[in-house]
Amino acid sequence: MPQLLNHLKVDSLGESIDWGTLVVYTCAENCGAENKYAEEFIWKQDFSIDSTELPLSS
């Protein structure tokens, strides 16, 4: 986890630790890297206070 936090630059983005979703994509075939690093992709969706409030009914 510490490497992930460094990659997301949480120490330099203010409230960046307050995310809603982290999705990590790896090899679709469950590829073995044989003790080597494998390329991955991470997508971060920030948490929004607006998404936690229900709309007012009229």
PDB file of N, CA and C in Angstrom:
ATOM      1  N   MET A   1       0.809  -1.203   0.000  1.00  0.00           N
ATOM      2  CA  MET A   1       0.000   0.000   0.000  1.00  0.00           C
ATOM      3  C   MET A   1       0.855   1.271   0.000  1.00  0.00           C
ATOM      4  N   PRO A   2       1.976   1.358   0.701  1.00  0.00           N
ATOM      5  CA  PRO A   2       2.752   2.606   0.676  1.00  0.00           C
ATOM      6  C   PRO A   2       3.185   3.009  -0.733  1.00  0.00           C
ATOM      7  N   GLN A   3       3.528   2.031  -1.587  1.00  0.00           N
ATOM      8  CA  GLN A   3       3.919   2.357  -2.952  1.00  0.00           C
ATOM      9  C   GLN A   3       2.750   2.961  -3.717  1.00  0.00           C
ATOM     10  N   LEU A   4       1.557   2.461  -3.484  1.00  0.00           N
ATOM     11  CA  LEU A   4       0.362   2.984  -4.141  1.00  0.00           C
ATOM     12  C   LEU A   4       0.105   4.422  -3.723  1.00  0.00           C
ATOM     13  N   LEU A   5       0.229   4.712  -2.443  1.00  0.00           N
ATOM     14  CA  LEU A   5       0.022   6.074  -1.950  1.00  0.00           C
ATOM     15  C   LEU A   5       1.042   7.026  -2.552  1.00  0.00           C
ATOM     16  N   ASN A   6       2.276   6.587  -2.698  1.00  0.00           N
ATOM     17  CA  ASN A   6       3.296   7.419  -3.324  1.00  0.00           C
ATOM     18  C   ASN A   6       2.962   7.668  -4.793  1.00  0.00           C
ATOM     19  N   HIS A   7       2.524   6.638  -5.502  1.00  0.00           N
ATOM     20  CA  HIS A   7       2.165   6.774  -6.917  1.00  0.00           C
ATOM     21  C   HIS A   7       1.007   7.756  -7.109  1.00  0.00           C
ATOM     22  N   LEU A   8       0.060   7.765  -6.176  1.00  0.00           N
ATOM     23  CA  LEU A   8      -1.090   8.669  -6.253  1.00  0.00           C
ATOM     24  C   LEU A   8      -0.773  10.073  -5.744  1.00  0.00           C
ATOM     25  N   LYS A   9       0.463  10.276  -5.241  1.00  0.00           N
ATOM     26  CA  LYS A   9       0.928  11.579  -4.755  1.00  0.00           C
ATOM     27  C   LYS A   9       0.019  12.132  -3.660  1.00  0.00           C
ATOM     28  N   VAL A  10      -0.348  11.294  -2.705  1.00  0.00           N
ATOM     29  CA  VAL A  10      -1.250  11.746  -1.655  1.00  0.00           C
ATOM     30  C   VAL A  10      -0.621  12.781  -0.736  1.00  0.00           C
ATOM     31  N   ASP A  11       0.696  12.869  -0.699  1.00  0.00           N
ATOM     32  CA  ASP A  11       1.334  13.855   0.168  1.00  0.00           C
ATOM     33  C   ASP A  11       1.352  15.247  -0.442  1.00  0.00           C
ATOM     34  N   SER A  12       0.965  15.391  -1.710  1.00  0.00           N
ATOM     35  CA  SER A  12       1.045  16.695  -2.359  1.00  0.00           C
ATOM     36  C   SER A  12      -0.278  17.180  -2.942  1.00  0.00           C
ATOM     37  N   LEU A  13      -1.371  16.501  -2.659  1.00  0.00           N
ATOM     38  CA  LEU A  13      -2.653  16.874  -3.265  1.00  0.00           C
ATOM     39  C   LEU A  13      -3.730  17.248  -2.252  1.00  0.00           C
ATOM     40  N   GLY A  14      -3.349  17.700  -1.087  1.00  0.00           N
ATOM     41  CA  GLY A  14      -4.334  18.143  -0.107  1.00  0.00           C
ATOM     42  C   GLY A  14      -5.211  17.026   0.400  1.00  0.00           C
ATOM     43  N   GLU A  15      -6.458  16.964  -0.040  1.00  0.00           N
ATOM     44  CA  GLU A  15      -7.420  15.965   0.427  1.00  0.00           C
ATOM     45  C   GLU A  15      -7.427  14.712  -0.445  1.00  0.00           C
ATOM     46  N   SER A  16      -6.341  14.443  -1.131  1.00  0.00           N
ATOM     47  CA  SER A  16      -6.310  13.341  -2.093  1.00  0.00           C
ATOM     48  C   SER A  16      -6.461  11.967  -1.469  1.00  0.00           C
ATOM     49  N   ILE A  17      -6.301  11.844  -0.165  1.00  0.00           N
ATOM     50  CA  ILE A  17      -6.449  10.547   0.488  1.00  0.00           C
ATOM     51  C   ILE A  17      -7.927  10.157   0.597  1.00  0.00           C
ATOM     52  N   ASP A  18      -8.827  11.087   0.371  1.00  0.00           N
ATOM     53  CA  ASP A  18     -10.260  10.843   0.513  1.00  0.00           C
ATOM     54  C   ASP A  18     -10.864  10.475  -0.839  1.00  0.00           C
ATOM     55  N   TRP A  19     -10.525   9.292  -1.335  1.00  0.00           N
ATOM     56  CA  TRP A  19     -11.058   8.858  -2.620  1.00  0.00           C
ATOM     57  C   TRP A  19     -12.273   7.972  -2.422  1.00  0.00           C
ATOM     58  N   GLY A  20     -13.057   7.843  -3.475  1.00  0.00           N
ATOM     59  CA  GLY A  20     -14.235   6.993  -3.420  1.00  0.00           C
ATOM     60  C   GLY A  20     -13.936   5.594  -3.917  1.00  0.00           C
ATOM     61  N   THR A  21     -13.203   5.487  -5.029  1.00  0.00           N
ATOM     62  CA  THR A  21     -12.935   4.194  -5.644  1.00  0.00           C
ATOM     63  C   THR A  21     -11.525   4.163  -6.205  1.00  0.00           C
ATOM     64  N   LEU A  22     -10.835   3.060  -6.004  1.00  0.00           N
ATOM     65  CA  LEU A  22      -9.568   2.778  -6.672  1.00  0.00           C
ATOM     66  C   LEU A  22      -9.750   1.472  -7.430  1.00  0.00           C
ATOM     67  N   VAL A  23      -9.453   1.489  -8.724  1.00  0.00           N
ATOM     68  CA  VAL A  23      -9.565   0.287  -9.540  1.00  0.00           C
ATOM     69  C   VAL A  23      -8.186   0.003 -10.118  1.00  0.00           C
ATOM     70  N   VAL A  24      -7.668  -1.196  -9.876  1.00  0.00           N
ATOM     71  CA  VAL A  24      -6.355  -1.584 -10.383  1.00  0.00           C
ATOM     72  C   VAL A  24      -6.554  -2.632 -11.468  1.00  0.00           C
ATOM     73  N   TYR A  25      -6.043  -2.332 -12.662  1.00  0.00           N
ATOM     74  CA  TYR A  25      -6.124  -3.261 -13.787  1.00  0.00           C
ATOM     75  C   TYR A  25      -4.777  -3.945 -13.958  1.00  0.00           C
ATOM     76  N   THR A  26      -4.807  -5.260 -14.111  1.00  0.00           N
ATOM     77  CA  THR A  26      -3.609  -6.047 -14.360  1.00  0.00           C
ATOM     78  C   THR A  26      -3.855  -6.918 -15.582  1.00  0.00           C
ATOM     79  N   CYS A  27      -3.011  -7.860 -15.815  1.00  0.00           N
ATOM     80  CA  CYS A  27      -3.130  -8.746 -16.971  1.00  0.00           C
ATOM     81  C   CYS A  27      -4.441  -9.535 -16.911  1.00  0.00           C
ATOM     82  N   ALA A  28      -5.211  -9.503 -17.967  1.00  0.00           N
ATOM     83  CA  ALA A  28      -6.503 -10.194 -18.020  1.00  0.00           C
ATOM     84  C   ALA A  28      -6.351 -11.716 -17.987  1.00  0.00           C
ATOM     85  N   GLU A  29      -5.187 -12.209 -18.351  1.00  0.00           N
ATOM     86  CA  GLU A  29      -4.942 -13.651 -18.396  1.00  0.00           C
ATOM     87  C   GLU A  29      -4.296 -14.171 -17.116  1.00  0.00           C
ATOM     88  N   ASN A  30      -4.253 -13.347 -16.048  1.00  0.00           N
ATOM     89  CA  ASN A  30      -3.596 -13.726 -14.796  1.00  0.00           C
ATOM     90  C   ASN A  30      -2.148 -14.134 -15.056  1.00  0.00           C
ATOM     91  N   CYS A  31      -1.445 -13.292 -15.796  1.00  0.00           N
ATOM     92  CA  CYS A  31      -0.076 -13.570 -16.227  1.00  0.00           C
ATOM     93  C   CYS A  31       0.887 -13.616 -15.047  1.00  0.00           C
ATOM     94  N   GLY A  32       1.766 -14.577 -15.065  1.00  0.00           N
ATOM     95  CA  GLY A  32       2.829 -14.649 -14.071  1.00  0.00           C
ATOM     96  C   GLY A  32       4.019 -13.833 -14.550  1.00  0.00           C
ATOM     97  N   ALA A  33       4.575 -13.029 -13.690  1.00  0.00           N
ATOM     98  CA  ALA A  33       5.696 -12.179 -14.079  1.00  0.00           C
ATOM     99  C   ALA A  33       7.034 -12.819 -13.731  1.00  0.00           C
ATOM    100  N   GLU A  34       7.028 -14.001 -13.173  1.00  0.00           N
ATOM    101  CA  GLU A  34       8.247 -14.730 -12.820  1.00  0.00           C
ATOM    102  C   GLU A  34       9.228 -13.858 -12.046  1.00  0.00           C
ATOM    103  N   ASN A  35       8.760 -13.348 -10.906  1.00  0.00           N
ATOM    104  CA  ASN A  35       9.574 -12.517 -10.010  1.00  0.00           C
ATOM    105  C   ASN A  35      10.039 -11.215 -10.645  1.00  0.00           C
ATOM    106  N   LYS A  36       9.308 -10.713 -11.613  1.00  0.00           N
ATOM    107  CA  LYS A  36       9.616  -9.429 -12.243  1.00  0.00           C
ATOM    108  C   LYS A  36       8.417  -8.513 -12.059  1.00  0.00           C
ATOM    109  N   TYR A  37       8.644  -7.230 -12.265  1.00  0.00           N
ATOM    110  CA  TYR A  37       7.547  -6.275 -12.194  1.00  0.00           C
ATOM    111  C   TYR A  37       6.654  -6.421 -13.417  1.00  0.00           C
ATOM    112  N   ALA A  38       5.366  -6.243 -13.225  1.00  0.00           N
ATOM    113  CA  ALA A  38       4.400  -6.281 -14.317  1.00  0.00           C
ATOM    114  C   ALA A  38       3.705  -4.926 -14.390  1.00  0.00           C
ATOM    115  N   GLU A  39       3.383  -4.493 -15.593  1.00  0.00           N
ATOM    116  CA  GLU A  39       2.706  -3.210 -15.773  1.00  0.00           C
ATOM    117  C   GLU A  39       1.264  -3.311 -15.297  1.00  0.00           C
ATOM    118  N   GLU A  40       0.836  -2.307 -14.554  1.00  0.00           N
ATOM    119  CA  GLU A  40      -0.537  -2.222 -14.079  1.00  0.00           C
ATOM    120  C   GLU A  40      -1.046  -0.808 -14.320  1.00  0.00           C
ATOM    121  N   PHE A  41      -2.340  -0.638 -14.231  1.00  0.00           N
ATOM    122  CA  PHE A  41      -2.964   0.671 -14.408  1.00  0.00           C
ATOM    123  C   PHE A  41      -3.922   0.884 -13.253  1.00  0.00           C
ATOM    124  N   ILE A  42      -3.896   2.087 -12.672  1.00  0.00           N
ATOM    125  CA  ILE A  42      -4.829   2.392 -11.585  1.00  0.00           C
ATOM    126  C   ILE A  42      -5.683   3.587 -11.983  1.00  0.00           C
ATOM    127  N   TRP A  43      -6.970   3.498 -11.672  1.00  0.00           N
ATOM    128  CA  TRP A  43      -7.913   4.591 -11.924  1.00  0.00           C
ATOM    129  C   TRP A  43      -8.480   5.009 -10.581  1.00  0.00           C
ATOM    130  N   LYS A  44      -8.463   6.312 -10.318  1.00  0.00           N
ATOM    131  CA  LYS A  44      -8.925   6.844  -9.034  1.00  0.00           C
ATOM    132  C   LYS A  44     -10.122   7.753  -9.250  1.00  0.00           C
ATOM    133  N   GLN A  45     -11.201   7.486  -8.524  1.00  0.00           N
ATOM    134  CA  GLN A  45     -12.369   8.361  -8.531  1.00  0.00           C
ATOM    135  C   GLN A  45     -12.421   9.028  -7.168  1.00  0.00           C
ATOM    136  N   ASP A  46     -12.330  10.346  -7.158  1.00  0.00           N
ATOM    137  CA  ASP A  46     -12.346  11.079  -5.899  1.00  0.00           C
ATOM    138  C   ASP A  46     -13.719  11.031  -5.253  1.00  0.00           C
ATOM    139  N   PHE A  47     -13.724  11.080  -3.938  1.00  0.00           N
ATOM    140  CA  PHE A  47     -14.959  11.132  -3.161  1.00  0.00           C
ATOM    141  C   PHE A  47     -15.571  12.514  -3.319  1.00  0.00           C
ATOM    142  N   SER A  48     -16.870  12.574  -3.453  1.00  0.00           N
ATOM    143  CA  SER A  48     -17.573  13.845  -3.575  1.00  0.00           C
ATOM    144  C   SER A  48     -18.693  13.895  -2.548  1.00  0.00           C
ATOM    145  N   ILE A  49     -18.727  14.929  -1.740  1.00  0.00           N
ATOM    146  CA  ILE A  49     -19.794  15.082  -0.748  1.00  0.00           C
ATOM    147  C   ILE A  49     -21.152  15.197  -1.434  1.00  0.00           C
ATOM    148  N   ASP A  50     -21.167  15.725  -2.666  1.00  0.00           N
ATOM    149  CA  ASP A  50     -22.423  15.856  -3.407  1.00  0.00           C
ATOM    150  C   ASP A  50     -23.043  14.496  -3.723  1.00  0.00           C
ATOM    151  N   SER A  51     -22.220  13.476  -3.884  1.00  0.00           N
ATOM    152  CA  SER A  51     -22.752  12.155  -4.234  1.00  0.00           C
ATOM    153  C   SER A  51     -23.357  11.434  -3.036  1.00  0.00           C
ATOM    154  N   THR A  52     -23.182  11.968  -1.831  1.00  0.00           N
ATOM    155  CA  THR A  52     -23.730  11.316  -0.642  1.00  0.00           C
ATOM    156  C   THR A  52     -25.062  11.906  -0.213  1.00  0.00           C
ATOM    157  N   GLU A  53     -25.471  12.996  -0.839  1.00  0.00           N
ATOM    158  CA  GLU A  53     -26.717  13.656  -0.460  1.00  0.00           C
ATOM    159  C   GLU A  53     -27.831  13.274  -1.423  1.00  0.00           C
ATOM    160  N   LEU A  54     -29.002  12.983  -0.886  1.00  0.00           N
ATOM    161  CA  LEU A  54     -30.155  12.674  -1.719  1.00  0.00           C
ATOM    162  C   LEU A  54     -30.747  13.967  -2.264  1.00  0.00           C
ATOM    163  N   PRO A  55     -31.226  13.950  -3.503  1.00  0.00           N
ATOM    164  CA  PRO A  55     -31.841  15.156  -4.053  1.00  0.00           C
ATOM    165  C   PRO A  55     -33.132  15.500  -3.308  1.00  0.00           C
ATOM    166  N   LEU A  56     -33.412  16.773  -3.228  1.00  0.00           N
ATOM    167  CA  LEU A  56     -34.646  17.228  -2.573  1.00  0.00           C
ATOM    168  C   LEU A  56     -35.832  16.939  -3.476  1.00  0.00           C
ATOM    169  N   SER A  57     -36.898  16.398  -2.913  1.00  0.00           N
ATOM    170  CA  SER A  57     -38.096  16.146  -3.715  1.00  0.00           C
ATOM    171  C   SER A  57     -38.959  17.399  -3.728  1.00  0.00           C
ATOM    172  N   SER A  58     -39.650  17.631  -4.830  1.00  0.00           N
ATOM    173  CA  SER A  58     -40.474  18.843  -4.933  1.00  0.00           C
ATOM    174  C   SER A  58     -41.906  18.607  -4.559  1.00  0.00           C
TER     175      SER A  58
END
